[in-house]
Amino acid sequence: MSNAINDAINDRVMLGIAAAVAVGLFVTLLSVIWQWRERTVRRREVGALRKSFEKEQMVCIEMFSDVHRTIATLEEGVGSLRAAPKAGGLNRSTRAQAMQLLRAGHSADAAASSLGIGRREMRLLERVSQTLCAR
């Protein structure tokens, strides 16, 4: 009888072990399925985030390009402001010197050649000066 009892106990123990293994396998299977679903969801989220990041990156690149173009335009404007007057051109100091020469009695042609400006410009200055002095 003790063999029958031992066999019955062994059968119950084995049945309990089999049930525990079955529950463990079921839990493991559920865990693997849950992890697979979570990875799929995370991949989708990462893809959406990557697309959003690339879109924002393109917006920033366009903004930097606009800023770069604006800076280039401003630098050109500053460069043209700082540029020395062209050779033979009339700037304020050359015009003042020309007026001094004309007041000193030099002819327009002589003053133009000594200052290195065009004769027509000098003659125009002379006429303007005469017109203003006559008033």
C-alpha atoms as a PDB file:
ATOM      1  CA  MET A   1       0.000   0.000   0.000  1.00  0.00           C
ATOM      2  CA  SER A   2       2.815   2.356   0.634  1.00  0.00           C
ATOM      3  CA  ASN A   3       3.835   2.011  -3.011  1.00  0.00           C
ATOM      4  CA  ALA A   4       0.375   3.008  -4.101  1.00  0.00           C
ATOM      5  CA  ILE A   5       0.446   5.983  -1.737  1.00  0.00           C
ATOM      6  CA  ASN A   6       3.918   6.946  -2.921  1.00  0.00           C
ATOM      7  CA  ASP A   7       2.815   6.609  -6.521  1.00  0.00           C
ATOM      8  CA  ALA A   8      -0.254   8.744  -5.824  1.00  0.00           C
ATOM      9  CA  ILE A   9       1.886  11.391  -4.107  1.00  0.00           C
ATOM     10  CA  ASN A  10       4.430  11.251  -6.913  1.00  0.00           C
ATOM     11  CA  ASP A  11       1.649  11.609  -9.442  1.00  0.00           C
ATOM     12  CA  ARG A  12       0.257  14.617  -7.618  1.00  0.00           C
ATOM     13  CA  VAL A  13       3.719  16.190  -7.278  1.00  0.00           C
ATOM     14  CA  MET A  14       4.403  15.577 -10.932  1.00  0.00           C
ATOM     15  CA  LEU A  15       1.007  16.982 -11.823  1.00  0.00           C
ATOM     16  CA  GLY A  16       1.753  20.089  -9.698  1.00  0.00           C
ATOM     17  CA  ILE A  17       5.158  20.484 -11.321  1.00  0.00           C
ATOM     18  CA  ALA A  18       3.596  20.104 -14.777  1.00  0.00           C
ATOM     19  CA  ALA A  19       0.951  22.681 -13.872  1.00  0.00           C
ATOM     20  CA  ALA A  20       3.627  25.093 -12.557  1.00  0.00           C
ATOM     21  CA  VAL A  21       5.691  24.628 -15.710  1.00  0.00           C
ATOM     22  CA  ALA A  22       2.580  25.197 -17.844  1.00  0.00           C
ATOM     23  CA  VAL A  23       1.742  28.388 -15.918  1.00  0.00           C
ATOM     24  CA  GLY A  24       5.378  29.532 -16.224  1.00  0.00           C
ATOM     25  CA  LEU A  25       5.372  28.881 -19.967  1.00  0.00           C
ATOM     26  CA  PHE A  26       2.069  30.731 -20.312  1.00  0.00           C
ATOM     27  CA  VAL A  27       3.390  33.722 -18.365  1.00  0.00           C
ATOM     28  CA  THR A  28       6.603  33.671 -20.418  1.00  0.00           C
ATOM     29  CA  LEU A  29       4.593  33.533 -23.637  1.00  0.00           C
ATOM     30  CA  LEU A  30       2.426  36.463 -22.507  1.00  0.00           C
ATOM     31  CA  SER A  31       5.562  38.402 -21.559  1.00  0.00           C
ATOM     32  CA  VAL A  32       7.150  37.781 -24.963  1.00  0.00           C
ATOM     33  CA  ILE A  33       3.953  38.863 -26.756  1.00  0.00           C
ATOM     34  CA  TRP A  34       3.699  42.006 -24.579  1.00  0.00           C
ATOM     35  CA  GLN A  35       7.358  42.900 -25.238  1.00  0.00           C
ATOM     36  CA  TRP A  36       6.868  42.403 -28.989  1.00  0.00           C
ATOM     37  CA  ARG A  37       3.844  44.723 -28.964  1.00  0.00           C
ATOM     38  CA  GLU A  38       5.715  47.336 -26.942  1.00  0.00           C
ATOM     39  CA  ARG A  39       8.678  47.237 -29.357  1.00  0.00           C
ATOM     40  CA  THR A  40       6.309  47.702 -32.292  1.00  0.00           C
ATOM     41  CA  VAL A  41       4.664  50.686 -30.618  1.00  0.00           C
ATOM     42  CA  ARG A  42       8.068  52.182 -29.723  1.00  0.00           C
ATOM     43  CA  ARG A  43       9.312  51.744 -33.309  1.00  0.00           C
ATOM     44  CA  ARG A  44       6.287  53.643 -34.591  1.00  0.00           C
ATOM     45  CA  GLU A  45       6.834  56.397 -32.026  1.00  0.00           C
ATOM     46  CA  VAL A  46      10.527  56.636 -32.878  1.00  0.00           C
ATOM     47  CA  GLY A  47       9.657  56.846 -36.589  1.00  0.00           C
ATOM     48  CA  ALA A  48       7.137  59.617 -35.936  1.00  0.00           C
ATOM     49  CA  LEU A  49       9.639  61.484 -33.750  1.00  0.00           C
ATOM     50  CA  ARG A  50      12.340  61.116 -36.393  1.00  0.00           C
ATOM     51  CA  LYS A  51      10.029  62.541 -39.078  1.00  0.00           C
ATOM     52  CA  SER A  52       9.051  65.425 -36.801  1.00  0.00           C
ATOM     53  CA  PHE A  53      12.706  66.110 -35.977  1.00  0.00           C
ATOM     54  CA  GLU A  54      13.702  66.090 -39.655  1.00  0.00           C
ATOM     55  CA  LYS A  55      10.839  68.472 -40.468  1.00  0.00           C
ATOM     56  CA  GLU A  56      11.900  70.886 -37.720  1.00  0.00           C
ATOM     57  CA  GLN A  57      15.511  70.528 -38.824  1.00  0.00           C
ATOM     58  CA  MET A  58      14.566  71.594 -42.361  1.00  0.00           C
ATOM     59  CA  VAL A  59      12.692  74.610 -40.965  1.00  0.00           C
ATOM     60  CA  CYS A  60      15.781  75.586 -38.969  1.00  0.00           C
ATOM     61  CA  ILE A  61      18.034  75.136 -42.005  1.00  0.00           C
ATOM     62  CA  GLU A  62      15.737  77.413 -44.028  1.00  0.00           C
ATOM     63  CA  MET A  63      15.799  79.996 -41.236  1.00  0.00           C
ATOM     64  CA  PHE A  64      19.611  79.854 -41.085  1.00  0.00           C
ATOM     65  CA  SER A  65      19.740  80.281 -44.857  1.00  0.00           C
ATOM     66  CA  ASP A  66      17.520  83.354 -44.608  1.00  0.00           C
ATOM     67  CA  VAL A  67      19.716  84.773 -41.862  1.00  0.00           C
ATOM     68  CA  HIS A  68      22.821  84.048 -43.926  1.00  0.00           C
ATOM     69  CA  ARG A  69      21.345  85.830 -46.953  1.00  0.00           C
ATOM     70  CA  THR A  70      20.334  88.791 -44.796  1.00  0.00           C
ATOM     71  CA  ILE A  71      23.814  89.021 -43.293  1.00  0.00           C
ATOM     72  CA  ALA A  72      25.372  88.847 -46.745  1.00  0.00           C
ATOM     73  CA  THR A  73      23.079  91.650 -47.935  1.00  0.00           C
ATOM     74  CA  LEU A  74      23.933  93.759 -44.893  1.00  0.00           C
ATOM     75  CA  GLU A  75      27.654  93.149 -45.375  1.00  0.00           C
ATOM     76  CA  GLU A  76      27.373  94.248 -49.005  1.00  0.00           C
ATOM     77  CA  GLY A  77      25.594  97.409 -47.886  1.00  0.00           C
ATOM     78  CA  VAL A  78      28.244  98.138 -45.272  1.00  0.00           C
ATOM     79  CA  GLY A  79      30.960  97.414 -47.802  1.00  0.00           C
ATOM     80  CA  SER A  80      29.493  99.885 -50.253  1.00  0.00           C
ATOM     81  CA  LEU A  81      29.208 102.498 -47.499  1.00  0.00           C
ATOM     82  CA  ARG A  82      32.828 102.044 -46.504  1.00  0.00           C
ATOM     83  CA  ALA A  83      34.127 101.984 -50.057  1.00  0.00           C
ATOM     84  CA  ALA A  84      36.343 104.883 -50.910  1.00  0.00           C
ATOM     85  CA  PRO A  85      35.007 107.214 -53.553  1.00  0.00           C
ATOM     86  CA  LYS A  86      36.030 106.269 -57.054  1.00  0.00           C
ATOM     87  CA  ALA A  87      39.067 107.929 -58.521  1.00  0.00           C
ATOM     88  CA  GLY A  88      38.125 111.267 -59.974  1.00  0.00           C
ATOM     89  CA  GLY A  89      34.821 111.331 -58.120  1.00  0.00           C
ATOM     90  CA  LEU A  90      33.605 114.209 -56.053  1.00  0.00           C
ATOM     91  CA  ASN A  91      33.363 113.681 -52.338  1.00  0.00           C
ATOM     92  CA  ARG A  92      32.966 116.302 -49.663  1.00  0.00           C
ATOM     93  CA  SER A  93      36.683 117.054 -49.151  1.00  0.00           C
ATOM     94  CA  THR A  94      37.399 117.191 -52.898  1.00  0.00           C
ATOM     95  CA  ARG A  95      34.455 119.509 -53.374  1.00  0.00           C
ATOM     96  CA  ALA A  96      35.713 121.773 -50.577  1.00  0.00           C
ATOM     97  CA  GLN A  97      39.178 121.876 -52.142  1.00  0.00           C
ATOM     98  CA  ALA A  98      37.673 122.669 -55.539  1.00  0.00           C
ATOM     99  CA  MET A  99      35.664 125.531 -54.069  1.00  0.00           C
ATOM    100  CA  GLN A 100      38.804 126.929 -52.423  1.00  0.00           C
ATOM    101  CA  LEU A 101      40.689 126.808 -55.726  1.00  0.00           C
ATOM    102  CA  LEU A 102      37.824 128.530 -57.545  1.00  0.00           C
ATOM    103  CA  ARG A 103      37.622 131.264 -54.882  1.00  0.00           C
ATOM    104  CA  ALA A 104      41.395 131.705 -55.133  1.00  0.00           C
ATOM    105  CA  GLY A 105      40.923 132.576 -58.814  1.00  0.00           C
ATOM    106  CA  HIS A 106      42.087 129.384 -60.518  1.00  0.00           C
ATOM    107  CA  SER A 107      40.335 128.404 -63.709  1.00  0.00           C
ATOM    108  CA  ALA A 108      37.998 125.427 -63.704  1.00  0.00           C
ATOM    109  CA  ASP A 109      40.296 123.473 -66.044  1.00  0.00           C
ATOM    110  CA  ALA A 110      43.387 124.113 -63.892  1.00  0.00           C
ATOM    111  CA  ALA A 111      41.566 123.199 -60.687  1.00  0.00           C
ATOM    112  CA  ALA A 112      40.200 120.017 -62.264  1.00  0.00           C
ATOM    113  CA  SER A 113      43.622 118.861 -63.397  1.00  0.00           C
ATOM    114  CA  SER A 114      45.227 119.632 -60.017  1.00  0.00           C
ATOM    115  CA  LEU A 115      42.535 117.695 -58.111  1.00  0.00           C
ATOM    116  CA  GLY A 116      42.248 114.867 -60.611  1.00  0.00           C
ATOM    117  CA  ILE A 117      38.542 115.266 -61.299  1.00  0.00           C
ATOM    118  CA  GLY A 118      36.681 115.707 -64.561  1.00  0.00           C
ATOM    119  CA  ARG A 119      36.574 119.108 -66.222  1.00  0.00           C
ATOM    120  CA  ARG A 120      32.827 118.932 -66.689  1.00  0.00           C
ATOM    121  CA  GLU A 121      32.339 118.279 -62.987  1.00  0.00           C
ATOM    122  CA  MET A 122      34.570 121.215 -62.153  1.00  0.00           C
ATOM    123  CA  ARG A 123      32.757 123.521 -64.572  1.00  0.00           C
ATOM    124  CA  LEU A 124      29.443 122.457 -63.065  1.00  0.00           C
ATOM    125  CA  LEU A 125      30.781 123.249 -59.607  1.00  0.00           C
ATOM    126  CA  GLU A 126      31.918 126.629 -60.868  1.00  0.00           C
ATOM    127  CA  ARG A 127      28.463 127.436 -62.282  1.00  0.00           C
ATOM    128  CA  VAL A 128      26.711 126.309 -59.120  1.00  0.00           C
ATOM    129  CA  SER A 129      29.097 128.399 -57.053  1.00  0.00           C
ATOM    130  CA  GLN A 130      28.538 131.459 -59.254  1.00  0.00           C
ATOM    131  CA  THR A 131      24.768 130.968 -59.099  1.00  0.00           C
ATOM    132  CA  LEU A 132      24.763 130.697 -55.317  1.00  0.00           C
ATOM    133  CA  CYS A 133      27.133 133.627 -54.852  1.00  0.00           C
ATOM    134  CA  ALA A 134      25.040 135.825 -57.171  1.00  0.00           C
ATOM    135  CA  ARG A 135      22.012 135.440 -54.922  1.00  0.00           C
END
